[in-house]
């Protein structure tokens, strides 16, 4: 069913930009907003559902570093080092936050 809505031009421009950022049409953006407003799509419930589904999937380790071309193995090691550093920085942040 088609529904017409009149809105302020600035609000419509914001709607267009928000829909574009999410990669959906204005209509789909509005439908999602109305569903949330009516309680049909609770973001917390959707998040819990996704996390439940993800918990049942196992992620493989992929190919061993020795089986990869040298540039891919080097990239993988660099990414692992970056990830480890980020984890350490976050742990330090949490520790400092807990002290406050």
Protein backbone atom coordinates (compact mmCIF):
# COMPACT_ATOMS: atom_id res chain seq x y z
CA UNK A 1 0.00 0.00 0.00
CA UNK A 2 1.31 3.43 -0.90
CA UNK A 3 1.37 6.21 1.70
CA UNK A 4 2.20 9.87 1.07
CA UNK A 5 3.94 11.93 3.72
CA UNK A 6 4.58 15.65 3.67
CA UNK A 7 7.73 16.79 5.40
CA UNK A 8 9.99 19.77 5.71
CA UNK A 9 12.51 19.92 2.82
CA UNK A 10 15.44 19.91 5.26
CA UNK A 11 14.08 16.81 6.96
CA UNK A 12 13.66 15.12 3.58
CA UNK A 13 17.28 15.97 2.71
CA UNK A 14 18.44 14.39 5.99
CA UNK A 15 16.29 11.36 5.18
CA UNK A 16 17.91 11.04 1.75
CA UNK A 17 21.39 11.27 3.23
CA UNK A 18 20.68 8.77 6.01
CA UNK A 19 19.15 6.30 3.56
CA UNK A 20 22.12 6.69 1.21
CA UNK A 21 24.56 6.05 4.09
CA UNK A 22 22.72 2.83 4.92
CA UNK A 23 22.46 1.83 1.28
CA UNK A 24 18.66 1.64 1.26
CA UNK A 25 15.86 3.55 -0.41
CA UNK A 26 14.00 6.32 1.37
CA UNK A 27 10.95 4.07 1.51
CA UNK A 28 12.88 1.23 3.13
CA UNK A 29 14.44 3.63 5.61
CA UNK A 30 11.01 4.96 6.59
CA UNK A 31 9.57 1.44 6.88
CA UNK A 32 12.39 0.42 9.23
CA UNK A 33 11.90 3.55 11.34
CA UNK A 34 8.15 2.92 11.63
CA UNK A 35 8.75 -0.74 12.56
CA UNK A 36 11.12 0.33 15.33
CA UNK A 37 8.70 3.01 16.53
CA UNK A 38 5.89 0.44 16.70
CA UNK A 39 8.06 -2.01 18.59
CA UNK A 40 8.16 -4.55 15.78
CA UNK A 41 11.92 -4.28 15.39
CA UNK A 42 13.63 -3.84 18.73
CA UNK A 43 17.35 -3.25 18.02
CA UNK A 44 18.37 -4.92 21.28
CA UNK A 45 16.31 -7.99 20.46
CA UNK A 46 17.74 -8.15 16.93
CA UNK A 47 21.27 -7.83 18.31
CA UNK A 48 20.65 -10.65 20.77
CA UNK A 49 19.25 -12.82 17.98
CA UNK A 50 22.26 -12.20 15.74
CA UNK A 51 24.69 -12.89 18.58
CA UNK A 52 22.86 -16.15 19.33
CA UNK A 53 23.15 -17.24 15.71
CA UNK A 54 26.81 -16.23 15.48
CA UNK A 55 27.63 -18.20 18.63
CA UNK A 56 26.83 -21.43 16.81
CA UNK A 57 29.22 -20.77 13.92
CA UNK A 58 32.84 -21.72 14.13
CA UNK A 59 35.39 -19.69 12.27
CA UNK A 60 38.16 -21.67 10.64
CA UNK A 61 41.76 -20.69 11.01
CA UNK A 62 42.32 -20.70 7.25
CA UNK A 63 45.53 -21.70 5.58
CA UNK A 64 48.70 -21.99 7.60
CA UNK A 65 51.17 -19.14 7.19
CA UNK A 66 53.64 -21.56 5.55
CA UNK A 67 51.08 -22.36 2.84
CA UNK A 68 50.59 -18.71 1.87
CA UNK A 69 52.68 -16.60 -0.49
CA UNK A 70 55.23 -14.58 1.46
CA UNK A 71 53.41 -11.26 1.00
CA UNK A 72 50.15 -12.73 2.34
CA UNK A 73 51.91 -14.31 5.31
CA UNK A 74 53.60 -10.98 6.08
CA UNK A 75 50.28 -9.16 5.83
CA UNK A 76 48.64 -11.69 8.14
CA UNK A 77 51.43 -11.28 10.72
CA UNK A 78 51.15 -7.50 10.50
CA UNK A 79 47.39 -7.66 11.04
CA UNK A 80 47.83 -10.00 14.01
CA UNK A 81 50.37 -7.63 15.56
CA UNK A 82 48.03 -4.66 15.04
CA UNK A 83 45.14 -6.58 16.58
CA UNK A 84 47.24 -7.62 19.59
CA UNK A 85 48.40 -4.02 20.11
CA UNK A 86 44.80 -2.77 19.93
CA UNK A 87 43.72 -5.38 22.47
CA UNK A 88 46.50 -4.31 24.84
CA UNK A 89 45.61 -0.63 24.45
CA UNK A 90 41.96 -1.38 25.13
CA UNK A 91 42.86 -3.42 28.21
CA UNK A 92 44.95 -0.49 29.48
CA UNK A 93 42.05 1.88 28.80
CA UNK A 94 39.68 -0.34 30.78
CA UNK A 95 42.17 -0.58 33.64
CA UNK A 96 42.55 3.21 33.78
CA UNK A 97 38.79 3.65 33.60
CA UNK A 98 38.32 1.22 36.49
CA UNK A 99 40.76 3.22 38.64
CA UNK A 100 38.68 6.39 38.29
